[in-house]
């Protein structure tokens, strides 16, 4: 079970790191962000680390999920339906996904991750992380995206209910 916790934690971290790197728009990527974090940590007074209890763990993961969901869903909603098939043409963009395929990929990956955390088989329509080919319109893609975040929320809630002890490798940094 500890392996599943670690996989879940790293998957969440990877999703957020990708968003942070994309928003930062820096060529330094994760290394530059890590260096900034280390420099900031040196300036801040040392804080003690407190293990999360099940309720605080659940709350922290729910807040984290909502933040990521809000950012991704709002971007998908803001993109005009006519641009969902957009693919960059200038530069080295051979084989990249359309915007629609990228959102479906993210959604399918969310469903696969949630199923793994719940001990379920991954959804058959998630395919090889590309999502169902039948989901094509903006409205259908947004429904699939929102359902994937709901599935992750269900995984968080189920984890808290099944294992009231919380993640032993998660900690809350407080003063």
Protein backbone atom coordinates (compact mmCIF):
# COMPACT_ATOMS: atom_id res chain seq x y z
CA UNK A 1 0.00 0.00 0.00
CA UNK A 2 2.90 2.34 0.70
CA UNK A 3 3.92 1.98 -2.97
CA UNK A 4 0.45 3.12 -4.05
CA UNK A 5 0.71 6.13 -1.73
CA UNK A 6 4.05 7.04 -3.25
CA UNK A 7 2.75 6.61 -6.81
CA UNK A 8 -0.29 8.75 -6.00
CA UNK A 9 1.87 11.45 -4.41
CA UNK A 10 4.33 11.53 -7.31
CA UNK A 11 1.51 11.62 -9.86
CA UNK A 12 -0.07 14.59 -8.10
CA UNK A 13 3.31 16.29 -7.91
CA UNK A 14 3.97 15.63 -11.60
CA UNK A 15 0.64 17.15 -12.62
CA UNK A 16 1.25 20.29 -10.59
CA UNK A 17 4.89 20.56 -11.60
CA UNK A 18 3.88 20.44 -15.25
CA UNK A 19 1.39 23.24 -14.68
CA UNK A 20 3.89 25.30 -12.73
CA UNK A 21 6.56 24.89 -15.39
CA UNK A 22 4.09 25.76 -18.15
CA UNK A 23 2.90 28.85 -16.26
CA UNK A 24 6.43 29.94 -15.35
CA UNK A 25 7.40 29.77 -19.02
CA UNK A 26 11.06 29.44 -18.15
CA UNK A 27 13.56 27.43 -20.07
CA UNK A 28 15.13 26.29 -16.79
CA UNK A 29 12.12 24.07 -16.08
CA UNK A 30 12.03 22.06 -12.88
CA UNK A 31 15.67 22.68 -12.05
CA UNK A 32 15.17 26.44 -12.03
CA UNK A 33 12.00 26.11 -9.96
CA UNK A 34 13.80 23.83 -7.49
CA UNK A 35 16.66 26.31 -7.21
CA UNK A 36 14.19 29.13 -6.50
CA UNK A 37 12.52 26.98 -3.83
CA UNK A 38 15.86 26.14 -2.21
CA UNK A 39 16.88 29.80 -2.15
CA UNK A 40 13.57 30.77 -0.57
CA UNK A 41 13.93 28.00 2.04
CA UNK A 42 17.33 29.38 3.02
CA UNK A 43 15.78 32.81 3.70
CA UNK A 44 12.87 31.47 5.78
CA UNK A 45 13.22 30.38 9.39
CA UNK A 46 13.27 26.64 9.97
CA UNK A 47 9.84 25.11 10.38
CA UNK A 48 8.93 21.88 12.05
CA UNK A 49 7.24 19.12 10.09
CA UNK A 50 4.01 17.69 11.47
CA UNK A 51 2.47 14.48 10.12
CA UNK A 52 -1.00 14.97 8.67
CA UNK A 53 -3.92 13.28 10.34
CA UNK A 54 -6.51 11.72 8.02
CA UNK A 55 -8.82 14.75 8.04
CA UNK A 56 -6.08 17.29 7.32
CA UNK A 57 -4.61 15.00 4.69
CA UNK A 58 -7.96 14.71 2.95
CA UNK A 59 -8.50 18.47 3.17
CA UNK A 60 -5.02 19.23 1.81
CA UNK A 61 -5.43 16.85 -1.12
CA UNK A 62 -8.92 18.21 -1.86
CA UNK A 63 -7.60 21.81 -1.89
CA UNK A 64 -4.72 20.74 -4.11
CA UNK A 65 -7.06 18.90 -6.49
CA UNK A 66 -9.48 21.84 -6.66
CA UNK A 67 -6.67 24.25 -7.48
CA UNK A 68 -5.35 22.08 -10.30
CA UNK A 69 -8.87 21.37 -11.55
CA UNK A 70 -9.80 25.06 -11.59
CA UNK A 71 -6.71 25.97 -13.60
CA UNK A 72 -7.07 23.19 -16.16
CA UNK A 73 -10.85 23.35 -16.58
CA UNK A 74 -10.81 27.14 -16.93
CA UNK A 75 -8.18 26.86 -19.69
CA UNK A 76 -10.25 24.20 -21.48
CA UNK A 77 -13.40 26.33 -21.13
CA UNK A 78 -11.63 29.46 -22.37
CA UNK A 79 -10.36 27.79 -25.55
CA UNK A 80 -12.88 28.41 -28.33
CA UNK A 81 -14.43 25.23 -29.72
CA UNK A 82 -13.05 26.14 -33.15
CA UNK A 83 -9.51 25.97 -31.73
CA UNK A 84 -9.81 22.53 -30.11
CA UNK A 85 -8.17 20.97 -33.17
CA UNK A 86 -5.28 23.46 -33.07
CA UNK A 87 -1.79 22.07 -33.67
CA UNK A 88 1.26 24.35 -33.80
CA UNK A 89 2.79 24.37 -37.28
CA UNK A 90 5.87 26.54 -36.84
CA UNK A 91 8.93 24.98 -35.24
CA UNK A 92 9.56 21.38 -34.18
CA UNK A 93 6.04 20.20 -33.43
CA UNK A 94 5.85 16.94 -35.36
CA UNK A 95 3.54 14.41 -33.74
CA UNK A 96 2.10 16.70 -31.06
CA UNK A 97 -1.48 16.32 -29.91
CA UNK A 98 -4.24 18.75 -30.75
CA UNK A 99 -5.59 20.75 -27.82
CA UNK A 100 -8.60 18.39 -27.71
CA UNK A 101 -6.39 15.29 -27.66
CA UNK A 102 -4.20 16.78 -24.93
CA UNK A 103 -7.21 17.46 -22.70
CA UNK A 104 -8.55 13.94 -23.38
CA UNK A 105 -5.09 12.52 -22.56
CA UNK A 106 -4.98 14.38 -19.25
CA UNK A 107 -8.52 13.24 -18.46
CA UNK A 108 -7.77 9.61 -19.29
CA UNK A 109 -4.64 9.74 -17.15
CA UNK A 110 -6.69 11.15 -14.25
CA UNK A 111 -9.17 8.27 -14.63
CA UNK A 112 -6.34 5.70 -14.74
CA UNK A 113 -4.68 7.19 -11.64
CA UNK A 114 -7.97 7.34 -9.71
CA UNK A 115 -8.80 3.74 -10.63
CA UNK A 116 -5.37 2.60 -9.43
CA UNK A 117 -5.81 4.47 -6.14
CA UNK A 118 -9.25 2.87 -5.70
CA UNK A 119 -7.96 -0.61 -6.58
CA UNK A 120 -10.15 -0.69 -9.70
CA UNK A 121 -9.39 -1.71 -13.24
CA UNK A 122 -8.65 1.33 -15.39
CA UNK A 123 -11.62 2.44 -17.48
CA UNK A 124 -11.65 0.63 -20.82
CA UNK A 125 -12.31 3.86 -22.68
CA UNK A 126 -9.15 5.45 -21.26
CA UNK A 127 -7.25 3.31 -23.73
CA UNK A 128 -3.55 3.96 -23.89
CA UNK A 129 -4.00 7.29 -22.06
CA UNK A 130 -5.59 8.92 -25.11
CA UNK A 131 -9.18 8.75 -23.90
CA UNK A 132 -12.20 7.67 -25.88
CA UNK A 133 -12.23 8.54 -29.57
CA UNK A 134 -16.00 9.10 -29.29
CA UNK A 135 -15.42 12.15 -27.07
CA UNK A 136 -14.92 14.85 -29.70
CA UNK A 137 -16.85 18.06 -29.12
CA UNK A 138 -15.80 20.73 -26.64
CA UNK A 139 -18.82 19.93 -24.45
CA UNK A 140 -18.04 16.20 -24.46
CA UNK A 141 -14.37 16.83 -23.69
CA UNK A 142 -15.27 19.17 -20.81
CA UNK A 143 -17.66 16.55 -19.41
CA UNK A 144 -14.93 13.90 -19.65
CA UNK A 145 -12.41 16.25 -18.02
CA UNK A 146 -14.76 17.12 -15.14
CA UNK A 147 -15.62 13.45 -14.61
CA UNK A 148 -11.92 12.63 -14.37
CA UNK A 149 -11.45 15.17 -11.58
CA UNK A 150 -14.56 13.82 -9.83
CA UNK A 151 -13.00 10.35 -10.05
CA UNK A 152 -9.80 11.66 -8.42
CA UNK A 153 -11.92 13.26 -5.70
CA UNK A 154 -13.61 9.93 -5.09
CA UNK A 155 -10.16 8.32 -4.74
CA UNK A 156 -9.11 10.93 -2.17
CA UNK A 157 -12.32 10.43 -0.17
CA UNK A 158 -12.10 6.63 -0.32
CA UNK A 159 -8.48 6.71 0.79
CA UNK A 160 -9.38 8.82 3.81
CA UNK A 161 -12.30 6.54 4.73
CA UNK A 162 -10.33 3.29 4.30
CA UNK A 163 -7.13 4.42 5.93
CA UNK A 164 -7.81 6.88 8.68
CA UNK A 165 -4.15 6.94 9.60
CA UNK A 166 -3.24 9.24 6.69
CA UNK A 167 -0.24 9.09 4.41
CA UNK A 168 2.80 8.40 6.55
CA UNK A 169 5.07 9.99 3.94
CA UNK A 170 3.04 13.24 3.66
CA UNK A 171 3.71 16.02 6.10
CA UNK A 172 2.36 19.47 6.77
CA UNK A 173 4.94 22.15 7.34
CA UNK A 174 3.70 24.51 9.99
CA UNK A 175 5.10 26.87 12.52
